[in-house]
Protein backbone atom coordinates (compact mmCIF):
# COMPACT_ATOMS: atom_id res chain seq x y z
CA MET A 1 -74.58 8.00 51.82
CA GLY A 2 -73.50 6.80 48.57
CA ALA A 3 -74.57 6.74 45.13
CA PRO A 4 -76.74 3.62 44.49
CA MET A 5 -74.96 1.10 42.05
CA THR A 6 -76.28 1.00 38.93
CA PHE A 7 -75.68 -1.77 35.86
CA THR A 8 -73.40 1.10 33.98
CA ASN A 9 -71.15 1.31 37.69
CA LEU A 10 -70.67 -2.06 37.68
CA ARG A 11 -69.68 -2.62 33.93
CA SER A 12 -67.67 0.25 34.45
CA GLY A 13 -66.09 -1.57 38.06
CA LEU A 14 -65.76 -4.57 36.23
CA HIS A 15 -63.63 -3.30 33.02
CA SER A 16 -61.47 -1.46 35.29
CA VAL A 17 -60.66 -5.01 37.66
CA LEU A 18 -60.19 -6.68 34.20
CA GLN A 19 -57.34 -4.08 32.64
CA ILE A 20 -55.44 -3.97 36.10
CA ALA A 21 -55.99 -8.14 35.90
CA ALA A 22 -54.22 -7.88 32.18
CA LEU A 23 -51.95 -5.41 33.17
CA PHE A 24 -50.36 -7.85 36.21
CA LEU A 25 -50.16 -10.53 33.79
CA CYS A 26 -48.16 -9.01 31.23
CA SER A 27 -45.96 -7.41 33.52
CA ARG A 28 -45.04 -10.92 34.96
CA LEU A 29 -44.74 -11.99 31.44
CA SER A 30 -42.43 -9.08 31.08
CA ALA A 31 -40.42 -10.11 34.00
CA GLN A 32 -40.38 -13.82 33.05
CA THR A 33 -38.85 -13.08 29.75
CA THR A 34 -36.18 -11.22 31.15
CA HIS A 35 -34.81 -15.05 32.27
CA LEU A 36 -35.82 -16.55 29.46
CA TYR A 37 -32.47 -17.62 27.83
CA THR A 38 -29.39 -18.37 29.49
CA ALA A 39 -26.39 -16.55 28.76
CA PRO A 40 -23.40 -18.05 27.18
CA VAL A 41 -21.50 -19.40 29.91
CA ALA A 42 -17.69 -17.83 30.26
CA GLN A 43 -15.82 -20.50 30.92
CA ALA A 44 -17.27 -23.14 28.72
CA ALA A 45 -15.56 -23.71 25.20
CA GLY A 46 -18.03 -25.70 24.27
CA GLY A 47 -20.48 -24.52 21.07
CA ILE A 48 -22.82 -25.73 18.09
CA SER A 49 -22.87 -24.67 14.49
CA ALA A 50 -24.67 -25.50 11.77
CA ARG A 51 -26.47 -24.02 8.56
CA VAL A 52 -30.26 -24.60 6.92
CA ASP A 53 -31.74 -24.11 4.33
CA GLN A 54 -34.61 -22.10 5.63
CA PRO A 55 -34.35 -18.28 6.94
CA LEU A 56 -35.03 -18.73 10.91
CA THR A 57 -35.92 -15.57 13.62
CA HIS A 58 -34.63 -17.63 16.54
CA ALA A 59 -32.41 -20.87 17.48
CA LEU A 60 -32.36 -22.43 20.36
CA ALA A 61 -30.54 -25.03 22.17
CA LEU A 62 -32.08 -26.72 25.51
CA ASN A 63 -29.99 -28.54 27.47
CA ARG A 64 -31.59 -32.17 28.83
CA ASP A 65 -32.21 -30.77 32.27
CA ARG A 66 -34.72 -28.27 30.80
CA LEU A 67 -33.28 -25.80 32.84
CA ARG A 68 -30.91 -23.92 30.95
CA CYS A 69 -32.07 -22.87 27.26
CA PHE A 70 -29.76 -20.80 24.65
CA ARG A 71 -30.54 -18.89 22.08
CA ALA A 72 -27.83 -18.78 19.00
CA GLN A 73 -26.45 -15.71 16.88
CA LEU A 74 -28.00 -15.99 13.15
CA SER A 75 -26.20 -14.53 10.26
CA GLU A 76 -26.42 -15.36 6.25
CA GLY A 77 -30.21 -13.86 6.73
CA GLY A 78 -31.08 -16.33 8.84
CA LYS A 79 -29.53 -19.43 7.17
CA SER A 80 -26.14 -19.79 9.58
CA ILE A 81 -26.61 -20.91 13.07
CA ARG A 82 -23.84 -20.32 15.99
CA PHE A 83 -24.23 -21.29 20.04
CA THR A 84 -21.12 -20.34 21.58
CA GLY A 85 -20.66 -20.51 25.26
CA LEU A 86 -22.61 -24.08 26.17
CA PRO A 87 -21.34 -26.44 29.44
CA THR A 88 -20.55 -29.75 28.17
CA GLY A 89 -24.02 -31.83 28.22
CA LYS A 90 -26.78 -32.73 25.76
CA TYR A 91 -28.66 -30.52 23.50
CA ASP A 92 -32.09 -30.30 21.76
CA LEU A 93 -32.70 -27.80 18.77
CA VAL A 94 -35.75 -25.66 18.48
CA LEU A 95 -35.78 -23.67 15.36
CA VAL A 96 -38.44 -20.86 14.39
CA THR A 97 -38.31 -19.89 10.68
CA MET A 98 -39.17 -16.46 8.99
CA SER A 99 -42.32 -18.27 7.39
CA GLY A 100 -43.71 -19.56 10.68
CA ARG A 101 -43.12 -23.00 11.18
CA VAL A 102 -41.06 -24.72 14.19
CA PHE A 103 -39.15 -27.55 13.97
CA GLU A 104 -37.69 -29.64 16.91
CA GLY A 105 -36.29 -32.26 18.40
CA VAL A 106 -37.03 -32.18 21.88
CA GLU A 107 -37.01 -35.83 23.71
CA LEU A 108 -40.24 -35.80 25.00
CA GLY A 109 -40.64 -39.25 25.52
CA ALA A 110 -43.07 -42.10 23.70
CA ASP A 111 -46.64 -44.00 23.69
CA ALA A 112 -48.38 -41.08 23.37
CA ASP A 113 -51.10 -43.33 21.93
CA LYS A 114 -51.88 -45.10 25.17
CA LEU A 115 -53.41 -42.01 26.46
CA THR A 116 -57.14 -41.96 25.82
CA GLY A 117 -60.37 -41.14 27.37
CA VAL A 118 -60.96 -39.78 30.43
CA SER A 119 -57.32 -39.13 31.10
CA LEU A 120 -56.76 -37.97 27.93
CA LYS A 121 -59.73 -34.80 28.38
CA ASN A 122 -58.07 -33.92 31.29
CA PHE A 123 -55.06 -33.58 30.45
CA GLU A 124 -56.02 -31.25 27.90
CA LYS A 125 -58.16 -29.87 30.19
CA ARG A 126 -54.75 -28.81 32.26
CA VAL A 127 -52.84 -27.62 29.74
CA ALA A 128 -55.46 -24.82 29.19
CA ALA A 129 -56.09 -23.89 32.66
CA ALA A 130 -52.26 -24.10 33.41
CA ASP A 131 -52.37 -20.51 31.84
CA THR A 132 -55.37 -18.50 31.03
CA PHE A 133 -53.72 -15.03 29.86
CA PHE A 134 -53.33 -16.58 26.81
CA ASN A 135 -56.70 -17.38 25.32
CA ARG A 136 -55.70 -20.03 22.54
CA VAL A 137 -53.18 -23.09 23.23
CA ARG A 138 -52.26 -25.83 20.96
CA ILE A 139 -50.34 -28.99 22.20
CA HIS A 140 -47.95 -29.58 19.25
CA ARG A 141 -46.73 -32.97 20.82
CA PHE A 142 -46.10 -34.60 23.66
CA GLY A 143 -44.74 -38.12 25.33
CA LEU A 144 -45.05 -40.36 28.48
CA PHE A 145 -42.57 -41.61 30.55
CA GLU A 146 -41.99 -43.81 33.77
CA ASP A 147 -45.10 -46.07 32.66
CA GLY A 148 -46.84 -43.66 31.79
CA GLU A 149 -47.43 -41.60 34.85
CA LYS A 150 -45.45 -38.59 33.73
CA ALA A 151 -45.59 -36.59 30.90
CA LEU A 152 -43.82 -33.68 29.03
CA LEU A 153 -45.15 -31.58 25.93
CA PHE A 154 -44.19 -29.26 23.47
CA VAL A 155 -47.00 -26.69 23.90
CA GLU A 156 -47.54 -23.40 22.06
CA ARG A 157 -49.86 -20.23 23.49
CA ILE A 158 -51.00 -17.51 22.16
CA ARG A 159 -52.93 -14.19 23.58
CA ASP A 160 -54.59 -12.70 20.46
CA LYS A 161 -56.91 -10.32 23.11
CA LEU A 162 -56.63 -6.94 24.52
CA ILE A 163 -53.40 -6.49 26.52
CA PHE A 164 -52.05 -3.77 28.97
CA GLN A 165 -48.56 -2.32 29.61
CA GLN A 166 -47.60 -1.40 32.82
CA SER A 167 -47.95 2.44 31.10
CA GLY A 168 -51.41 1.45 30.85
CA ASP A 169 -51.63 1.44 27.15
CA GLN A 170 -52.84 -0.99 25.04
CA LEU A 171 -49.97 -3.15 23.92
CA LYS A 172 -50.14 -3.13 19.60
CA SER A 173 -49.39 -6.88 19.31
CA ASN A 174 -50.34 -10.52 19.89
CA LEU A 175 -47.93 -12.60 21.65
CA ARG A 176 -47.29 -16.10 21.43
CA ARG A 177 -45.06 -17.85 23.56
CA LEU A 178 -43.59 -21.78 23.55
CA GLU A 179 -42.89 -23.78 26.21
CA ILE A 180 -42.06 -27.35 27.38
CA ILE A 181 -44.43 -28.67 30.90
CA ASP A 182 -44.05 -31.50 32.99
CA PHE A 183 -47.00 -33.14 34.43
CA GLU A 184 -47.78 -35.85 36.59
CA ARG A 185 -50.62 -38.46 36.69
CA ALA A 186 -53.06 -38.19 39.56
CA ALA A 187 -55.62 -41.34 39.00
CA ASP A 188 -57.49 -40.07 35.29
CA ASP A 189 -56.49 -36.88 36.27
CA TRP A 190 -52.75 -34.90 35.71
CA THR A 191 -50.85 -31.93 38.06
CA GLU A 192 -48.54 -29.80 36.18
CA VAL A 193 -45.25 -30.33 37.92
CA THR A 194 -42.96 -27.66 35.81
CA THR A 195 -42.73 -25.41 32.94
CA ARG A 196 -39.81 -24.20 31.37
CA HIS A 197 -40.76 -21.27 28.94
CA ILE A 198 -38.12 -21.38 25.36
CA TYR A 199 -39.65 -18.42 23.62
CA ARG A 200 -41.48 -15.39 23.76
CA GLU A 201 -42.37 -12.93 21.22
CA GLU A 202 -44.31 -9.89 19.74
CA ALA A 203 -46.62 -10.80 16.68
CA PRO A 204 -48.89 -8.35 14.40
CA LEU A 205 -51.80 -7.39 16.53
CA GLY A 206 -55.21 -9.16 15.35
CA ASP A 207 -58.18 -11.96 15.62
CA GLY A 208 -57.32 -15.52 14.92
CA MET A 209 -53.60 -15.39 14.98
CA ALA A 210 -52.49 -18.90 13.51
CA PHE A 211 -50.36 -21.11 14.98
CA LEU A 212 -46.34 -22.65 13.93
CA GLY A 213 -46.65 -25.39 11.88
CA SER A 214 -44.75 -27.99 13.99
CA GLN A 215 -42.87 -30.76 13.01
CA PHE A 216 -40.53 -33.20 14.98
CA VAL A 217 -37.01 -33.54 13.17
CA ALA A 218 -34.72 -36.47 15.34
CA GLY A 219 -31.37 -35.25 13.84
CA LEU A 220 -32.13 -31.73 16.43
CA GLY A 221 -32.21 -34.06 18.95
CA GLY A 222 -29.45 -35.38 21.09
CA VAL A 223 -27.21 -33.49 20.16
CA ARG A 224 -23.76 -33.63 22.69
CA VAL A 225 -21.30 -30.55 23.45
CA ILE A 226 -17.80 -31.17 25.23
CA ASP A 227 -15.34 -28.23 25.44
CA THR A 228 -15.16 -27.23 21.19
CA LEU A 229 -17.18 -26.35 18.57
CA LYS A 230 -19.70 -29.15 17.17
CA GLU A 231 -19.85 -28.84 13.76
CA LEU A 232 -23.27 -30.13 12.43
CA GLY A 233 -22.86 -29.01 8.53
CA ASN A 234 -26.01 -28.55 6.59
CA LEU A 235 -29.04 -30.03 8.35
CA PRO A 236 -32.14 -29.67 5.74
CA LEU A 237 -35.48 -29.01 6.98
CA PRO A 238 -38.46 -30.71 5.85
CA LYS A 239 -40.50 -28.63 3.05
């Protein structure tokens, strides 16, 4: 006959389950990261080049279909941007600075102020519950379209709690992710349709990790690319 269950054994078992769950989630996120950015298309001659007045860590070009997200090559201390191998289409740019800000021109729709009351509260709850591995979430911006029946969101998620790697060792960092989420309305509630992760990076370990300062910049949206390099010149970013 086995040993009787004690509170200590129960707590130890629960801790093991939580470790396994955290390990699985970390592994799943690592798998997603391999497909985060779209590789330059060899036969595509399109591209974008620009300069900014604040050093960047990332410059991303999200196609309007939100399926392809390209990462630029940065030079000159993070102030020179160059995308290559872009197929013909429209692109919205997302720029992450070394100082912890994100400037984006993502087309999300309009009329966000029309979402109020119970519908807004349920909306926020659904966003938070969509991925509970990340213990904190911020909706930076969202818009409504199709007469308010659909919504697009620009969201940041943070995990600044314990994370285990596939090896079983603790990951000595926090995690930050940016994503574009597509929701559909169901009466006063909402259902997630798709999500496109566009950025995922480790950050220094510690509680109370700060969210990125976010600002919409219209000039970063709707950049049309054909079969040549699109020269945008200097792109002054808000201070």
